[in-house]
Amino acid sequence: MKKKILIVDDEPNIVMSLEYAFKKKDFLVYIARDGFEALEITKKHIPDVILLDVMMPQVDGYETLKILKSNNDFNKTKIFFLSAKSKESDIEKGLLLGADGYFTKPFSVKKIIQNIEEQIA
């Protein structure tokens, strides 16, 4: 069965490059432009992996993570931040909230896929 990933980011170029790369790796890819849209998608689909931007309109990544972590349906879902917020305090906050990892922009698509595949193997 295909692994499901939800990519949550409001930057189209980032979404397109990640979507293409994960589809090539045979993932089923869902896309959300902000936290609100991500939460709507997760009502219908429980992804294996969520790649979450921090700075987004409406509901930011930190708040989205808090909401997902409060729902037992997502206990097995691996959630990673992907953000331009690269200060130690930002990364620490993301990990303390329960993220499984934190990637900073600019990023290597290859490294992200490799890291995620290792964690969900």
C-alpha atoms as a PDB file:
ATOM      1  CA  MET A   1       0.000   0.000   0.000  1.00  0.00           C
ATOM      2  CA  LYS A   2       1.236   3.492  -0.838  1.00  0.00           C
ATOM      3  CA  LYS A   3       2.475   5.699   1.979  1.00  0.00           C
ATOM      4  CA  LYS A   4       0.476   8.911   2.345  1.00  0.00           C
ATOM      5  CA  ILE A   5       2.079  12.311   2.868  1.00  0.00           C
ATOM      6  CA  LEU A   6       0.436  15.662   3.492  1.00  0.00           C
ATOM      7  CA  ILE A   7       2.552  18.644   2.428  1.00  0.00           C
ATOM      8  CA  VAL A   8       1.445  21.859   4.139  1.00  0.00           C
ATOM      9  CA  ASP A   9       3.063  25.011   2.762  1.00  0.00           C
ATOM     10  CA  ASP A  10       1.867  28.282   1.250  1.00  0.00           C
ATOM     11  CA  GLU A  11       4.778  28.588  -1.210  1.00  0.00           C
ATOM     12  CA  PRO A  12       3.777  26.983  -4.563  1.00  0.00           C
ATOM     13  CA  ASN A  13       7.360  26.309  -5.722  1.00  0.00           C
ATOM     14  CA  ILE A  14       8.161  24.369  -2.563  1.00  0.00           C
ATOM     15  CA  VAL A  15       4.930  22.389  -2.774  1.00  0.00           C
ATOM     16  CA  MET A  16       5.504  21.540  -6.446  1.00  0.00           C
ATOM     17  CA  SER A  17       9.082  20.306  -5.993  1.00  0.00           C
ATOM     18  CA  LEU A  18       8.198  18.181  -2.947  1.00  0.00           C
ATOM     19  CA  GLU A  19       5.015  16.819  -4.532  1.00  0.00           C
ATOM     20  CA  TYR A  20       6.927  15.755  -7.647  1.00  0.00           C
ATOM     21  CA  ALA A  21       9.731  14.115  -5.649  1.00  0.00           C
ATOM     22  CA  PHE A  22       7.418  12.202  -3.289  1.00  0.00           C
ATOM     23  CA  LYS A  23       5.207  11.002  -6.155  1.00  0.00           C
ATOM     24  CA  LYS A  24       8.342   9.644  -7.851  1.00  0.00           C
ATOM     25  CA  LYS A  25       8.973   7.703  -4.621  1.00  0.00           C
ATOM     26  CA  ASP A  26       5.446   6.267  -4.942  1.00  0.00           C
ATOM     27  CA  PHE A  27       3.823   8.282  -2.148  1.00  0.00           C
ATOM     28  CA  LEU A  28       0.194   9.356  -2.307  1.00  0.00           C
ATOM     29  CA  VAL A  29       0.491  13.145  -1.919  1.00  0.00           C
ATOM     30  CA  TYR A  30      -2.044  15.537  -0.384  1.00  0.00           C
ATOM     31  CA  ILE A  31      -1.487  19.301  -0.457  1.00  0.00           C
ATOM     32  CA  ALA A  32      -2.672  22.032   1.903  1.00  0.00           C
ATOM     33  CA  ARG A  33      -1.837  25.739   1.699  1.00  0.00           C
ATOM     34  CA  ASP A  34      -2.324  26.479   5.408  1.00  0.00           C
ATOM     35  CA  GLY A  35      -3.028  24.823   8.739  1.00  0.00           C
ATOM     36  CA  PHE A  36      -6.793  25.157   8.415  1.00  0.00           C
ATOM     37  CA  GLU A  37      -6.796  23.343   5.064  1.00  0.00           C
ATOM     38  CA  ALA A  38      -4.451  20.700   6.515  1.00  0.00           C
ATOM     39  CA  LEU A  39      -6.857  20.026   9.385  1.00  0.00           C
ATOM     40  CA  GLU A  40      -9.741  19.714   6.906  1.00  0.00           C
ATOM     41  CA  ILE A  41      -7.807  17.132   4.843  1.00  0.00           C
ATOM     42  CA  THR A  42      -6.855  15.136   7.939  1.00  0.00           C
ATOM     43  CA  LYS A  43     -10.548  14.715   8.785  1.00  0.00           C
ATOM     44  CA  LYS A  44     -10.830  12.476   5.696  1.00  0.00           C
ATOM     45  CA  HIS A  45      -7.313  11.029   5.380  1.00  0.00           C
ATOM     46  CA  ILE A  46      -4.799  10.029   8.029  1.00  0.00           C
ATOM     47  CA  PRO A  47      -1.376  10.456   6.439  1.00  0.00           C
ATOM     48  CA  ASP A  48       1.711   8.469   7.405  1.00  0.00           C
ATOM     49  CA  VAL A  49       3.731  11.678   7.219  1.00  0.00           C
ATOM     50  CA  ILE A  50       2.949  15.387   7.483  1.00  0.00           C
ATOM     51  CA  LEU A  51       5.465  17.972   6.293  1.00  0.00           C
ATOM     52  CA  LEU A  52       4.443  21.236   7.902  1.00  0.00           C
ATOM     53  CA  ASP A  53       5.545  24.822   7.334  1.00  0.00           C
ATOM     54  CA  VAL A  54       5.580  27.063  10.428  1.00  0.00           C
ATOM     55  CA  MET A  55       4.683  30.465   8.966  1.00  0.00           C
ATOM     56  CA  MET A  56       1.340  30.236   7.172  1.00  0.00           C
ATOM     57  CA  PRO A  57      -1.849  32.296   6.976  1.00  0.00           C
ATOM     58  CA  GLN A  58      -4.821  31.536   9.268  1.00  0.00           C
ATOM     59  CA  VAL A  59      -3.434  28.672  11.370  1.00  0.00           C
ATOM     60  CA  ASP A  60       0.359  28.419  11.713  1.00  0.00           C
ATOM     61  CA  GLY A  61       2.357  25.204  11.867  1.00  0.00           C
ATOM     62  CA  TYR A  62       2.834  25.209  15.640  1.00  0.00           C
ATOM     63  CA  GLU A  63      -0.907  25.518  16.243  1.00  0.00           C
ATOM     64  CA  THR A  64      -1.655  22.871  13.597  1.00  0.00           C
ATOM     65  CA  LEU A  65       0.767  20.468  15.300  1.00  0.00           C
ATOM     66  CA  LYS A  66      -0.850  21.073  18.720  1.00  0.00           C
ATOM     67  CA  ILE A  67      -4.283  20.255  17.292  1.00  0.00           C
ATOM     68  CA  LEU A  68      -3.036  17.092  15.522  1.00  0.00           C
ATOM     69  CA  LYS A  69      -1.159  15.901  18.626  1.00  0.00           C
ATOM     70  CA  SER A  70      -4.334  16.239  20.708  1.00  0.00           C
ATOM     71  CA  ASN A  71      -6.051  13.659  18.449  1.00  0.00           C
ATOM     72  CA  ASN A  72      -5.140   9.994  19.021  1.00  0.00           C
ATOM     73  CA  ASP A  73      -5.812   9.199  15.330  1.00  0.00           C
ATOM     74  CA  PHE A  74      -2.405  10.746  14.588  1.00  0.00           C
ATOM     75  CA  ASN A  75      -0.328   8.796  17.126  1.00  0.00           C
ATOM     76  CA  LYS A  76       1.412   6.884  14.311  1.00  0.00           C
ATOM     77  CA  THR A  77       1.726   9.857  11.940  1.00  0.00           C
ATOM     78  CA  LYS A  78       5.252  11.282  11.671  1.00  0.00           C
ATOM     79  CA  ILE A  79       5.140  15.084  11.636  1.00  0.00           C
ATOM     80  CA  PHE A  80       8.078  17.169  10.434  1.00  0.00           C
ATOM     81  CA  PHE A  81       8.473  20.921  10.274  1.00  0.00           C
ATOM     82  CA  LEU A  82       9.889  22.510   7.139  1.00  0.00           C
ATOM     83  CA  SER A  83      10.526  26.173   7.815  1.00  0.00           C
ATOM     84  CA  ALA A  84      12.584  29.261   7.104  1.00  0.00           C
ATOM     85  CA  LYS A  85      12.507  29.820  10.879  1.00  0.00           C
ATOM     86  CA  SER A  86      15.913  28.334  11.581  1.00  0.00           C
ATOM     87  CA  LYS A  87      16.842  29.809  14.962  1.00  0.00           C
ATOM     88  CA  GLU A  88      17.673  27.297  17.667  1.00  0.00           C
ATOM     89  CA  SER A  89      14.640  28.490  19.682  1.00  0.00           C
ATOM     90  CA  ASP A  90      12.259  27.919  16.737  1.00  0.00           C
ATOM     91  CA  ILE A  91      13.580  24.394  16.163  1.00  0.00           C
ATOM     92  CA  GLU A  92      13.427  23.636  19.895  1.00  0.00           C
ATOM     93  CA  LYS A  93       9.836  24.879  20.090  1.00  0.00           C
ATOM     94  CA  GLY A  94       8.809  22.616  17.194  1.00  0.00           C
ATOM     95  CA  LEU A  95      10.443  19.560  18.736  1.00  0.00           C
ATOM     96  CA  LEU A  96       9.060  20.302  22.212  1.00  0.00           C
ATOM     97  CA  LEU A  97       5.558  20.479  20.713  1.00  0.00           C
ATOM     98  CA  GLY A  98       6.098  16.920  19.478  1.00  0.00           C
ATOM     99  CA  ALA A  99       7.447  17.158  15.926  1.00  0.00           C
ATOM    100  CA  ASP A 100       9.463  14.146  14.770  1.00  0.00           C
ATOM    101  CA  GLY A 101      11.962  16.368  12.976  1.00  0.00           C
ATOM    102  CA  TYR A 102      12.676  19.886  11.762  1.00  0.00           C
ATOM    103  CA  PHE A 103      14.063  20.764   8.337  1.00  0.00           C
ATOM    104  CA  THR A 104      15.163  24.314   7.578  1.00  0.00           C
ATOM    105  CA  LYS A 105      14.796  26.177   4.287  1.00  0.00           C
ATOM    106  CA  PRO A 106      16.616  26.223   1.945  1.00  0.00           C
ATOM    107  CA  PHE A 107      16.575  22.428   1.940  1.00  0.00           C
ATOM    108  CA  SER A 108      17.641  19.402  -0.038  1.00  0.00           C
ATOM    109  CA  VAL A 109      14.616  17.445  -1.325  1.00  0.00           C
ATOM    110  CA  LYS A 110      16.789  14.344  -1.507  1.00  0.00           C
ATOM    111  CA  LYS A 111      17.820  14.642   2.173  1.00  0.00           C
ATOM    112  CA  ILE A 112      14.243  15.226   3.311  1.00  0.00           C
ATOM    113  CA  ILE A 113      12.969  12.160   1.452  1.00  0.00           C
ATOM    114  CA  GLN A 114      15.870  10.055   2.733  1.00  0.00           C
ATOM    115  CA  ASN A 115      15.267  11.132   6.335  1.00  0.00           C
ATOM    116  CA  ILE A 116      11.506  10.560   6.130  1.00  0.00           C
ATOM    117  CA  GLU A 117      11.884   7.156   4.478  1.00  0.00           C
ATOM    118  CA  GLU A 118      14.270   6.074   7.270  1.00  0.00           C
ATOM    119  CA  GLN A 119      11.806   7.149   9.962  1.00  0.00           C
ATOM    120  CA  ILE A 120       8.763   5.434   8.471  1.00  0.00           C
ATOM    121  CA  ALA A 121      10.498   2.232   7.318  1.00  0.00           C
END
